[in-house]
Amino acid sequence: MNYIKEINGFHKRNIFEPLSSSAVSLWFTLMHFQNLCGWKEQFSVAASQLQAQSGLKNTSFKSARRELQDKNRIIVTNRGSNRSAIYQMISQVEDYEQTQGENTPSKITPSKPRPDKKPKEVSILTKSESHSNSETTSQKNNHKTDCSSDHNPDPFIKQHELKNKNNKQSYTAASHFYRTHFSELTPYISKEIKEWATAMNEELLVHAMKKALEKNKITWRYVRGILTSWEKKGIRTVEQARKEEMQFSRQRTRYTGNVQTEIVPEWFYEQKKMRKTMQPKAVVDPEKEAEELKALLGQFAKAENK
């Protein structure tokens, strides 16, 4: 591969098929490692090194790698959880020349074979020269026809705009829900919503926002915390999320019931009974009780005499 040509072809293709900033950063990082490997067709790099060099977190890294695969920029072969994946870069120069070669005249001047080249390489160059000359001659004969034809790029651009519009539909509803119920979208939050929608799915993303509203937590930070927790637990659908919520609610109810029974233990009641039995009784004075009895008998005697 030619480093400079690959970079130019990559930028030209991004004009019509734009990538996210995370995908662009990961592509350049992979090109750097392929250069270090001596431009081998296939090479292996640890995910931790790619994340460190590209500055991407785990979620953003997976999303960017999936985007590059879906848009035919790289080929990834997974080899299990304990082994690094194998990467293969797809040439951007060939893709761009194939899409532009039909409408753009070839301006490549044939190069003369060097004497130090092998015979096989010389024969390939000779064929290339004859093909280039014949192609240039045919293009000169049809030059007037090409100039009179309509080269308006609008239809081509509109096709790519339609494709980009379809790609954005996966997170448009989530962005609209956030603007309606939370606040205005910042570029940072918009980027994260797109990454989460790609990594998981739009329906689950909206469900996480609804859970945040139920808790009266109208912040993206809280929503991101819910999504991160679900990602660690392997939750990928709304049904799985609701099932996990029901299990958590049951565990919480059991825990609350146990706490209520332990608030007033049995020894508390036993200690209370012991305190009642240990209360001192009132001391009775015999002399004072005798005097009160005599006074009472005297009152009865006076009543009988009357």
C-alpha atoms as a PDB file:
ATOM      1  CA  MET A   1       0.000   0.000   0.000  1.00  0.00           C
ATOM      2  CA  ASN A   2       1.006   3.591  -0.636  1.00  0.00           C
ATOM      3  CA  TYR A   3       0.463   5.512   2.583  1.00  0.00           C
ATOM      4  CA  ILE A   4      -0.153   8.893   0.950  1.00  0.00           C
ATOM      5  CA  LYS A   5      -2.488   7.504  -1.731  1.00  0.00           C
ATOM      6  CA  GLU A   6      -4.486   5.573   0.854  1.00  0.00           C
ATOM      7  CA  ILE A   7      -4.957   8.681   2.980  1.00  0.00           C
ATOM      8  CA  ASN A   8      -6.002  10.774  -0.038  1.00  0.00           C
ATOM      9  CA  GLY A   9      -8.411   8.070  -1.182  1.00  0.00           C
ATOM     10  CA  PHE A  10      -9.798   7.798   2.349  1.00  0.00           C
ATOM     11  CA  HIS A  11     -10.517  11.560   2.512  1.00  0.00           C
ATOM     12  CA  LYS A  12     -12.057  11.601  -0.971  1.00  0.00           C
ATOM     13  CA  ARG A  13     -14.370   8.739  -0.103  1.00  0.00           C
ATOM     14  CA  ASN A  14     -15.404  10.442   3.145  1.00  0.00           C
ATOM     15  CA  ILE A  15     -16.800  13.331   1.087  1.00  0.00           C
ATOM     16  CA  PHE A  16     -19.579  11.043  -0.170  1.00  0.00           C
ATOM     17  CA  GLU A  17     -19.584   8.425   2.604  1.00  0.00           C
ATOM     18  CA  PRO A  18     -18.758  10.330   5.807  1.00  0.00           C
ATOM     19  CA  LEU A  19     -17.653   8.506   8.935  1.00  0.00           C
ATOM     20  CA  SER A  20     -17.956   9.437  12.575  1.00  0.00           C
ATOM     21  CA  SER A  21     -14.964  11.009  14.276  1.00  0.00           C
ATOM     22  CA  SER A  22     -14.402   7.815  16.270  1.00  0.00           C
ATOM     23  CA  ALA A  23     -14.281   5.707  13.103  1.00  0.00           C
ATOM     24  CA  VAL A  24     -11.852   8.134  11.439  1.00  0.00           C
ATOM     25  CA  SER A  25      -9.542   8.045  14.454  1.00  0.00           C
ATOM     26  CA  LEU A  26      -9.605   4.241  14.547  1.00  0.00           C
ATOM     27  CA  TRP A  27      -8.893   3.966  10.801  1.00  0.00           C
ATOM     28  CA  PHE A  28      -5.770   6.135  11.070  1.00  0.00           C
ATOM     29  CA  THR A  29      -4.649   4.125  14.115  1.00  0.00           C
ATOM     30  CA  LEU A  30      -4.990   0.857  12.190  1.00  0.00           C
ATOM     31  CA  MET A  31      -3.058   2.334   9.260  1.00  0.00           C
ATOM     32  CA  HIS A  32      -0.299   3.307  11.673  1.00  0.00           C
ATOM     33  CA  PHE A  33      -0.023  -0.252  13.022  1.00  0.00           C
ATOM     34  CA  GLN A  34      -0.076  -1.723   9.514  1.00  0.00           C
ATOM     35  CA  ASN A  35       2.825   0.580   8.661  1.00  0.00           C
ATOM     36  CA  LEU A  36       4.708  -0.665  11.726  1.00  0.00           C
ATOM     37  CA  CYS A  37       4.062  -4.266  10.612  1.00  0.00           C
ATOM     38  CA  GLY A  38       5.677  -3.580   7.230  1.00  0.00           C
ATOM     39  CA  TRP A  39       2.396  -3.290   5.312  1.00  0.00           C
ATOM     40  CA  LYS A  40       1.416  -6.896   5.832  1.00  0.00           C
ATOM     41  CA  GLU A  41      -1.975  -7.768   4.388  1.00  0.00           C
ATOM     42  CA  GLN A  42      -3.185  -9.099   7.747  1.00  0.00           C
ATOM     43  CA  PHE A  43      -1.945  -8.071  11.180  1.00  0.00           C
ATOM     44  CA  SER A  44      -3.005  -8.502  14.788  1.00  0.00           C
ATOM     45  CA  VAL A  45      -3.219  -5.730  17.413  1.00  0.00           C
ATOM     46  CA  ALA A  46      -4.584  -5.837  20.935  1.00  0.00           C
ATOM     47  CA  ALA A  47      -7.793  -3.863  21.484  1.00  0.00           C
ATOM     48  CA  SER A  48      -6.231  -2.092  24.478  1.00  0.00           C
ATOM     49  CA  GLN A  49      -3.424  -0.704  22.275  1.00  0.00           C
ATOM     50  CA  LEU A  50      -5.897   0.497  19.642  1.00  0.00           C
ATOM     51  CA  GLN A  51      -7.981   2.229  22.314  1.00  0.00           C
ATOM     52  CA  ALA A  52      -4.909   3.870  23.833  1.00  0.00           C
ATOM     53  CA  GLN A  53      -3.594   5.143  20.489  1.00  0.00           C
ATOM     54  CA  SER A  54      -6.985   6.319  19.179  1.00  0.00           C
ATOM     55  CA  GLY A  55      -8.173   7.777  22.490  1.00  0.00           C
ATOM     56  CA  LEU A  56     -11.434   5.807  22.376  1.00  0.00           C
ATOM     57  CA  LYS A  57     -13.233   4.128  25.242  1.00  0.00           C
ATOM     58  CA  ASN A  58     -14.414   0.537  25.027  1.00  0.00           C
ATOM     59  CA  THR A  59     -17.941   1.375  23.862  1.00  0.00           C
ATOM     60  CA  SER A  60     -16.786   3.958  21.316  1.00  0.00           C
ATOM     61  CA  PHE A  61     -14.068   1.600  20.068  1.00  0.00           C
ATOM     62  CA  LYS A  62     -16.535  -1.239  19.392  1.00  0.00           C
ATOM     63  CA  SER A  63     -18.951   1.135  17.704  1.00  0.00           C
ATOM     64  CA  ALA A  64     -16.226   2.631  15.485  1.00  0.00           C
ATOM     65  CA  ARG A  65     -14.885  -0.802  14.500  1.00  0.00           C
ATOM     66  CA  ARG A  66     -18.379  -2.001  13.594  1.00  0.00           C
ATOM     67  CA  GLU A  67     -18.912   1.157  11.508  1.00  0.00           C
ATOM     68  CA  LEU A  68     -15.686   0.590   9.563  1.00  0.00           C
ATOM     69  CA  GLN A  69     -16.727  -2.998   8.877  1.00  0.00           C
ATOM     70  CA  ASP A  70     -20.234  -2.052   7.771  1.00  0.00           C
ATOM     71  CA  LYS A  71     -18.885   0.574   5.359  1.00  0.00           C
ATOM     72  CA  ASN A  72     -16.267  -1.760   3.846  1.00  0.00           C
ATOM     73  CA  ARG A  73     -13.198   0.024   5.194  1.00  0.00           C
ATOM     74  CA  ILE A  74     -11.692  -2.914   7.112  1.00  0.00           C
ATOM     75  CA  ILE A  75     -12.102  -6.663   7.611  1.00  0.00           C
ATOM     76  CA  VAL A  76     -12.003  -8.015  11.170  1.00  0.00           C
ATOM     77  CA  THR A  77     -11.559 -11.676  12.091  1.00  0.00           C
ATOM     78  CA  ASN A  78     -12.233 -12.473  15.740  1.00  0.00           C
ATOM     79  CA  ARG A  79     -10.223 -15.269  17.344  1.00  0.00           C
ATOM     80  CA  GLY A  80     -11.892 -15.625  20.732  1.00  0.00           C
ATOM     81  CA  SER A  81     -11.938 -13.632  23.944  1.00  0.00           C
ATOM     82  CA  ASN A  82      -8.312 -14.275  24.937  1.00  0.00           C
ATOM     83  CA  ARG A  83      -6.704 -13.553  21.537  1.00  0.00           C
ATOM     84  CA  SER A  84      -6.387 -10.320  19.582  1.00  0.00           C
ATOM     85  CA  ALA A  85      -8.450  -9.907  16.437  1.00  0.00           C
ATOM     86  CA  ILE A  86      -6.893 -10.011  12.966  1.00  0.00           C
ATOM     87  CA  TYR A  87      -7.309  -6.853  10.881  1.00  0.00           C
ATOM     88  CA  GLN A  88      -7.112  -6.370   7.131  1.00  0.00           C
ATOM     89  CA  MET A  89      -7.262  -2.906   5.584  1.00  0.00           C
ATOM     90  CA  ILE A  90      -9.344  -2.482   2.434  1.00  0.00           C
ATOM     91  CA  SER A  91      -7.560  -0.275  -0.086  1.00  0.00           C
ATOM     92  CA  GLN A  92      -9.280   3.083  -0.438  1.00  0.00           C
ATOM     93  CA  VAL A  93      -7.361   3.905  -3.623  1.00  0.00           C
ATOM     94  CA  GLU A  94      -8.862   1.017  -5.574  1.00  0.00           C
ATOM     95  CA  ASP A  95     -12.400   1.784  -4.414  1.00  0.00           C
ATOM     96  CA  TYR A  96     -12.100   5.436  -5.372  1.00  0.00           C
ATOM     97  CA  GLU A  97     -10.529   4.712  -8.774  1.00  0.00           C
ATOM     98  CA  GLN A  98     -13.260   2.215  -9.594  1.00  0.00           C
ATOM     99  CA  THR A  99     -16.042   4.740  -8.883  1.00  0.00           C
ATOM    100  CA  GLN A 100     -14.297   7.620 -10.641  1.00  0.00           C
ATOM    101  CA  GLY A 101     -12.595   5.786 -13.521  1.00  0.00           C
ATOM    102  CA  GLU A 102     -15.736   5.738 -15.663  1.00  0.00           C
ATOM    103  CA  ASN A 103     -16.146   9.526 -15.701  1.00  0.00           C
ATOM    104  CA  THR A 104     -12.574  10.791 -15.240  1.00  0.00           C
ATOM    105  CA  PRO A 105     -10.022  10.590 -18.093  1.00  0.00           C
ATOM    106  CA  SER A 106      -6.836   8.825 -17.198  1.00  0.00           C
ATOM    107  CA  LYS A 107      -3.886  11.181 -16.827  1.00  0.00           C
ATOM    108  CA  ILE A 108      -1.352   8.577 -15.824  1.00  0.00           C
ATOM    109  CA  THR A 109       1.744   8.814 -18.001  1.00  0.00           C
ATOM    110  CA  PRO A 110       3.358   5.455 -18.821  1.00  0.00           C
ATOM    111  CA  SER A 111       6.598   4.917 -16.987  1.00  0.00           C
ATOM    112  CA  LYS A 112       9.560   3.239 -18.649  1.00  0.00           C
ATOM    113  CA  PRO A 113      10.773   0.030 -17.061  1.00  0.00           C
ATOM    114  CA  ARG A 114      13.990   0.276 -15.144  1.00  0.00           C
ATOM    115  CA  PRO A 115      16.889  -1.988 -16.083  1.00  0.00           C
ATOM    116  CA  ASP A 116      17.063  -3.361 -12.558  1.00  0.00           C
ATOM    117  CA  LYS A 117      13.491  -4.720 -12.741  1.00  0.00           C
ATOM    118  CA  LYS A 118      12.843  -8.408 -13.168  1.00  0.00           C
ATOM    119  CA  PRO A 119      11.615  -9.666 -16.576  1.00  0.00           C
ATOM    120  CA  LYS A 120       8.193 -10.451 -15.143  1.00  0.00           C
ATOM    121  CA  GLU A 121       7.762  -6.912 -13.828  1.00  0.00           C
ATOM    122  CA  VAL A 122       8.896  -5.452 -17.128  1.00  0.00           C
ATOM    123  CA  SER A 123       6.286  -7.400 -19.040  1.00  0.00           C
ATOM    124  CA  ILE A 124       3.594  -6.156 -16.680  1.00  0.00           C
ATOM    125  CA  LEU A 125       4.699  -2.561 -17.231  1.00  0.00           C
ATOM    126  CA  THR A 126       4.672  -3.054 -21.009  1.00  0.00           C
ATOM    127  CA  LYS A 127       1.091  -4.295 -20.911  1.00  0.00           C
ATOM    128  CA  SER A 128       0.150  -1.389 -18.718  1.00  0.00           C
ATOM    129  CA  GLU A 129       1.675   1.053 -21.195  1.00  0.00           C
ATOM    130  CA  SER A 130      -0.184  -0.420 -24.167  1.00  0.00           C
ATOM    131  CA  HIS A 131      -3.466  -0.422 -22.226  1.00  0.00           C
ATOM    132  CA  SER A 132      -2.923   3.194 -21.120  1.00  0.00           C
ATOM    133  CA  ASN A 133      -2.133   4.321 -24.678  1.00  0.00           C
ATOM    134  CA  SER A 134      -5.193   2.625 -26.174  1.00  0.00           C
ATOM    135  CA  GLU A 135      -7.392   4.019 -23.396  1.00  0.00           C
ATOM    136  CA  THR A 136      -6.021   7.540 -23.969  1.00  0.00           C
ATOM    137  CA  THR A 137      -6.641   7.295 -27.735  1.00  0.00           C
ATOM    138  CA  SER A 138     -10.254   6.189 -27.287  1.00  0.00           C
ATOM    139  CA  GLN A 139     -10.860   8.973 -24.776  1.00  0.00           C
ATOM    140  CA  LYS A 140      -9.473  11.563 -27.200  1.00  0.00           C
ATOM    141  CA  ASN A 141     -11.834  10.361 -29.935  1.00  0.00           C
ATOM    142  CA  ASN A 142     -14.813  10.619 -27.621  1.00  0.00           C
ATOM    143  CA  HIS A 143     -13.715  13.797 -25.909  1.00  0.00           C
ATOM    144  CA  LYS A 144     -16.385  15.959 -27.581  1.00  0.00           C
ATOM    145  CA  THR A 145     -19.149  13.564 -26.644  1.00  0.00           C
ATOM    146  CA  ASP A 146     -18.029  13.483 -23.002  1.00  0.00           C
ATOM    147  CA  CYS A 147     -17.922  17.259 -22.797  1.00  0.00           C
ATOM    148  CA  SER A 148     -21.415  17.643 -24.282  1.00  0.00           C
ATOM    149  CA  SER A 149     -22.957  15.135 -21.876  1.00  0.00           C
ATOM    150  CA  ASP A 150     -24.434  16.169 -18.549  1.00  0.00           C
ATOM    151  CA  HIS A 151     -21.902  15.693 -15.750  1.00  0.00           C
ATOM    152  CA  ASN A 152     -24.076  17.141 -13.034  1.00  0.00           C
ATOM    153  CA  PRO A 153     -23.007  15.391  -9.795  1.00  0.00           C
ATOM    154  CA  ASP A 154     -26.292  16.126  -8.025  1.00  0.00           C
ATOM    155  CA  PRO A 155     -27.865  12.671  -8.567  1.00  0.00           C
ATOM    156  CA  PHE A 156     -24.735  10.967  -7.238  1.00  0.00           C
ATOM    157  CA  ILE A 157     -24.588  13.226  -4.214  1.00  0.00           C
ATOM    158  CA  LYS A 158     -28.301  12.793  -3.543  1.00  0.00           C
ATOM    159  CA  GLN A 159     -27.841   9.023  -3.476  1.00  0.00           C
ATOM    160  CA  HIS A 160     -25.212   9.340  -0.770  1.00  0.00           C
ATOM    161  CA  GLU A 161     -27.326  11.872   1.121  1.00  0.00           C
ATOM    162  CA  LEU A 162     -30.202   9.382   1.074  1.00  0.00           C
ATOM    163  CA  LYS A 163     -27.883   6.676   2.356  1.00  0.00           C
ATOM    164  CA  ASN A 164     -26.650   8.913   5.166  1.00  0.00           C
ATOM    165  CA  LYS A 165     -30.247   9.797   6.001  1.00  0.00           C
ATOM    166  CA  ASN A 166     -31.080   6.110   6.394  1.00  0.00           C
ATOM    167  CA  ASN A 167     -28.074   5.642   8.677  1.00  0.00           C
ATOM    168  CA  LYS A 168     -29.243   8.490  10.888  1.00  0.00           C
ATOM    169  CA  GLN A 169     -32.732   7.052  11.343  1.00  0.00           C
ATOM    170  CA  SER A 170     -31.376   4.645  13.946  1.00  0.00           C
ATOM    171  CA  TYR A 171     -30.824   7.448  16.447  1.00  0.00           C
ATOM    172  CA  THR A 172     -33.071  10.293  15.221  1.00  0.00           C
ATOM    173  CA  ALA A 173     -35.991   9.227  17.429  1.00  0.00           C
ATOM    174  CA  ALA A 174     -33.726   9.024  20.489  1.00  0.00           C
ATOM    175  CA  SER A 175     -32.365  12.513  19.798  1.00  0.00           C
ATOM    176  CA  HIS A 176     -35.896  13.862  19.385  1.00  0.00           C
ATOM    177  CA  PHE A 177     -36.967  12.261  22.687  1.00  0.00           C
ATOM    178  CA  TYR A 178     -33.976  13.821  24.463  1.00  0.00           C
ATOM    179  CA  ARG A 179     -34.704  17.294  23.066  1.00  0.00           C
ATOM    180  CA  THR A 180     -38.375  16.997  24.042  1.00  0.00           C
ATOM    181  CA  HIS A 181     -37.985  15.734  27.614  1.00  0.00           C
ATOM    182  CA  PHE A 182     -34.455  16.726  28.680  1.00  0.00           C
ATOM    183  CA  SER A 183     -32.774  19.712  27.021  1.00  0.00           C
ATOM    184  CA  GLU A 184     -31.163  20.902  23.813  1.00  0.00           C
ATOM    185  CA  LEU A 185     -28.629  18.578  22.215  1.00  0.00           C
ATOM    186  CA  THR A 186     -24.968  19.500  22.469  1.00  0.00           C
ATOM    187  CA  PRO A 187     -22.489  18.073  19.941  1.00  0.00           C
ATOM    188  CA  TYR A 188     -21.005  15.859  22.663  1.00  0.00           C
ATOM    189  CA  ILE A 189     -24.346  14.377  23.768  1.00  0.00           C
ATOM    190  CA  SER A 190     -25.484  13.979  20.151  1.00  0.00           C
ATOM    191  CA  LYS A 191     -22.336  11.989  19.430  1.00  0.00           C
ATOM    192  CA  GLU A 192     -22.847   9.762  22.474  1.00  0.00           C
ATOM    193  CA  ILE A 193     -26.497   9.135  21.595  1.00  0.00           C
ATOM    194  CA  LYS A 194     -25.411   8.008  18.126  1.00  0.00           C
ATOM    195  CA  GLU A 195     -22.747   5.714  19.573  1.00  0.00           C
ATOM    196  CA  TRP A 196     -25.113   4.138  22.112  1.00  0.00           C
ATOM    197  CA  ALA A 197     -27.822   3.689  19.465  1.00  0.00           C
ATOM    198  CA  THR A 198     -25.299   1.862  17.285  1.00  0.00           C
ATOM    199  CA  ALA A 199     -23.839  -0.217  20.114  1.00  0.00           C
ATOM    200  CA  MET A 200     -27.213  -1.286  21.559  1.00  0.00           C
ATOM    201  CA  ASN A 201     -30.472  -0.166  19.925  1.00  0.00           C
ATOM    202  CA  GLU A 202     -32.703   2.873  19.752  1.00  0.00           C
ATOM    203  CA  GLU A 203     -35.644   1.349  21.645  1.00  0.00           C
ATOM    204  CA  LEU A 204     -33.458   0.446  24.627  1.00  0.00           C
ATOM    205  CA  LEU A 205     -31.882   3.907  24.579  1.00  0.00           C
ATOM    206  CA  VAL A 206     -35.307   5.592  24.776  1.00  0.00           C
ATOM    207  CA  HIS A 207     -36.313   3.185  27.570  1.00  0.00           C
ATOM    208  CA  ALA A 208     -33.268   4.272  29.583  1.00  0.00           C
ATOM    209  CA  MET A 209     -34.320   7.917  29.167  1.00  0.00           C
ATOM    210  CA  LYS A 210     -37.819   7.059  30.423  1.00  0.00           C
ATOM    211  CA  LYS A 211     -36.332   5.362  33.497  1.00  0.00           C
ATOM    212  CA  ALA A 212     -34.336   8.511  34.236  1.00  0.00           C
ATOM    213  CA  LEU A 213     -37.490  10.637  33.978  1.00  0.00           C
ATOM    214  CA  GLU A 214     -39.291   8.309  36.407  1.00  0.00           C
ATOM    215  CA  LYS A 215     -36.503   8.923  38.929  1.00  0.00           C
ATOM    216  CA  ASN A 216     -36.695  12.684  38.227  1.00  0.00           C
ATOM    217  CA  LYS A 217     -33.072  12.602  37.001  1.00  0.00           C
ATOM    218  CA  ILE A 218     -33.158  14.828  33.922  1.00  0.00           C
ATOM    219  CA  THR A 219     -29.482  14.509  33.022  1.00  0.00           C
ATOM    220  CA  TRP A 220     -27.628  12.617  30.314  1.00  0.00           C
ATOM    221  CA  ARG A 221     -25.128  11.457  32.917  1.00  0.00           C
ATOM    222  CA  TYR A 222     -27.826   9.442  34.686  1.00  0.00           C
ATOM    223  CA  VAL A 223     -29.043   7.943  31.385  1.00  0.00           C
ATOM    224  CA  ARG A 224     -25.496   6.967  30.488  1.00  0.00           C
ATOM    225  CA  GLY A 225     -25.116   5.288  33.878  1.00  0.00           C
ATOM    226  CA  ILE A 226     -28.207   3.154  33.216  1.00  0.00           C
ATOM    227  CA  LEU A 227     -26.908   2.161  29.770  1.00  0.00           C
ATOM    228  CA  THR A 228     -23.468   1.312  31.125  1.00  0.00           C
ATOM    229  CA  SER A 229     -25.019  -0.895  33.808  1.00  0.00           C
ATOM    230  CA  TRP A 230     -27.129  -2.711  31.217  1.00  0.00           C
ATOM    231  CA  GLU A 231     -24.133  -3.180  28.955  1.00  0.00           C
ATOM    232  CA  LYS A 232     -22.139  -4.823  31.757  1.00  0.00           C
ATOM    233  CA  LYS A 233     -25.077  -7.140  32.516  1.00  0.00           C
ATOM    234  CA  GLY A 234     -25.464  -8.089  28.850  1.00  0.00           C
ATOM    235  CA  ILE A 235     -28.905  -6.473  28.497  1.00  0.00           C
ATOM    236  CA  ARG A 236     -29.636  -5.674  24.845  1.00  0.00           C
ATOM    237  CA  THR A 237     -33.452  -5.486  24.642  1.00  0.00           C
ATOM    238  CA  VAL A 238     -36.239  -3.670  26.485  1.00  0.00           C
ATOM    239  CA  GLU A 239     -37.714  -7.006  27.536  1.00  0.00           C
ATOM    240  CA  GLN A 240     -34.455  -8.005  29.227  1.00  0.00           C
ATOM    241  CA  ALA A 241     -34.292  -4.618  30.956  1.00  0.00           C
ATOM    242  CA  ARG A 242     -37.833  -4.970  32.348  1.00  0.00           C
ATOM    243  CA  LYS A 243     -37.093  -8.492  33.555  1.00  0.00           C
ATOM    244  CA  GLU A 244     -34.016  -7.237  35.379  1.00  0.00           C
ATOM    245  CA  GLU A 245     -36.068  -4.435  36.975  1.00  0.00           C
ATOM    246  CA  MET A 246     -38.632  -6.931  38.282  1.00  0.00           C
ATOM    247  CA  GLN A 247     -35.921  -9.089  39.823  1.00  0.00           C
ATOM    248  CA  PHE A 248     -34.357  -6.053  41.487  1.00  0.00           C
ATOM    249  CA  SER A 249     -37.756  -4.992  42.871  1.00  0.00           C
ATOM    250  CA  ARG A 250     -38.345  -8.448  44.375  1.00  0.00           C
ATOM    251  CA  GLN A 251     -34.942  -8.506  46.018  1.00  0.00           C
ATOM    252  CA  ARG A 252     -35.526  -5.046  47.431  1.00  0.00           C
ATOM    253  CA  THR A 253     -38.894  -6.104  48.891  1.00  0.00           C
ATOM    254  CA  ARG A 254     -37.313  -9.103  50.611  1.00  0.00           C
ATOM    255  CA  TYR A 255     -34.558  -6.957  52.023  1.00  0.00           C
ATOM    256  CA  THR A 256     -37.039  -4.373  53.334  1.00  0.00           C
ATOM    257  CA  GLY A 257     -39.159  -7.095  55.010  1.00  0.00           C
ATOM    258  CA  ASN A 258     -36.122  -8.548  56.777  1.00  0.00           C
ATOM    259  CA  VAL A 259     -35.092  -5.141  58.041  1.00  0.00           C
ATOM    260  CA  GLN A 260     -38.562  -4.488  59.528  1.00  0.00           C
ATOM    261  CA  THR A 261     -38.520  -7.760  61.500  1.00  0.00           C
ATOM    262  CA  GLU A 262     -35.040  -7.027  62.787  1.00  0.00           C
ATOM    263  CA  ILE A 263     -35.817  -3.511  63.993  1.00  0.00           C
ATOM    264  CA  VAL A 264     -37.629  -4.815  67.145  1.00  0.00           C
ATOM    265  CA  PRO A 265     -35.815  -8.018  68.234  1.00  0.00           C
ATOM    266  CA  GLU A 266     -37.172 -10.430  70.830  1.00  0.00           C
ATOM    267  CA  TRP A 267     -34.613  -9.496  73.469  1.00  0.00           C
ATOM    268  CA  PHE A 268     -36.040  -5.989  73.473  1.00  0.00           C
ATOM    269  CA  TYR A 269     -39.406  -7.256  74.682  1.00  0.00           C
ATOM    270  CA  GLU A 270     -37.787  -9.546  77.283  1.00  0.00           C
ATOM    271  CA  GLN A 271     -35.724  -6.685  78.658  1.00  0.00           C
ATOM    272  CA  LYS A 272     -38.859  -4.557  78.903  1.00  0.00           C
ATOM    273  CA  LYS A 273     -40.636  -7.247  80.964  1.00  0.00           C
ATOM    274  CA  MET A 274     -37.651  -7.533  83.294  1.00  0.00           C
ATOM    275  CA  ARG A 275     -37.688  -3.788  83.930  1.00  0.00           C
ATOM    276  CA  LYS A 276     -41.351  -3.945  84.956  1.00  0.00           C
ATOM    277  CA  THR A 277     -40.753  -6.775  87.450  1.00  0.00           C
ATOM    278  CA  MET A 278     -37.712  -5.001  88.900  1.00  0.00           C
ATOM    279  CA  GLN A 279     -39.633  -1.783  89.732  1.00  0.00           C
ATOM    280  CA  PRO A 280     -39.536  -1.147  93.617  1.00  0.00           C
ATOM    281  CA  LYS A 281     -42.801  -1.591  95.492  1.00  0.00           C
ATOM    282  CA  ALA A 282     -44.182   1.147  97.750  1.00  0.00           C
ATOM    283  CA  VAL A 283     -42.986   0.791 101.419  1.00  0.00           C
ATOM    284  CA  VAL A 284     -45.897   0.589 103.962  1.00  0.00           C
ATOM    285  CA  ASP A 285     -45.515   2.236 107.407  1.00  0.00           C
ATOM    286  CA  PRO A 286     -47.328   0.057 110.054  1.00  0.00           C
ATOM    287  CA  GLU A 287     -47.780   2.873 112.615  1.00  0.00           C
ATOM    288  CA  LYS A 288     -49.248   5.242 110.069  1.00  0.00           C
ATOM    289  CA  GLU A 289     -51.592   2.515 108.857  1.00  0.00           C
ATOM    290  CA  ALA A 290     -52.755   1.818 112.485  1.00  0.00           C
ATOM    291  CA  GLU A 291     -53.519   5.504 113.109  1.00  0.00           C
ATOM    292  CA  GLU A 292     -55.576   5.698 109.906  1.00  0.00           C
ATOM    293  CA  LEU A 293     -57.518   2.588 110.979  1.00  0.00           C
ATOM    294  CA  LYS A 294     -58.311   4.073 114.474  1.00  0.00           C
ATOM    295  CA  ALA A 295     -59.518   7.310 112.921  1.00  0.00           C
ATOM    296  CA  LEU A 296     -61.772   5.359 110.583  1.00  0.00           C
ATOM    297  CA  LEU A 297     -63.263   3.285 113.508  1.00  0.00           C
ATOM    298  CA  GLY A 298     -63.872   6.489 115.491  1.00  0.00           C
ATOM    299  CA  GLN A 299     -65.874   7.923 112.635  1.00  0.00           C
ATOM    300  CA  PHE A 300     -68.051   4.799 112.532  1.00  0.00           C
ATOM    301  CA  ALA A 301     -68.675   4.945 116.358  1.00  0.00           C
ATOM    302  CA  LYS A 302     -69.826   8.557 116.228  1.00  0.00           C
ATOM    303  CA  ALA A 303     -72.190   7.750 113.430  1.00  0.00           C
ATOM    304  CA  GLU A 304     -73.844   4.899 115.467  1.00  0.00           C
ATOM    305  CA  ASN A 305     -74.338   7.063 118.639  1.00  0.00           C
ATOM    306  CA  LYS A 306     -76.232   9.667 116.680  1.00  0.00           C
END
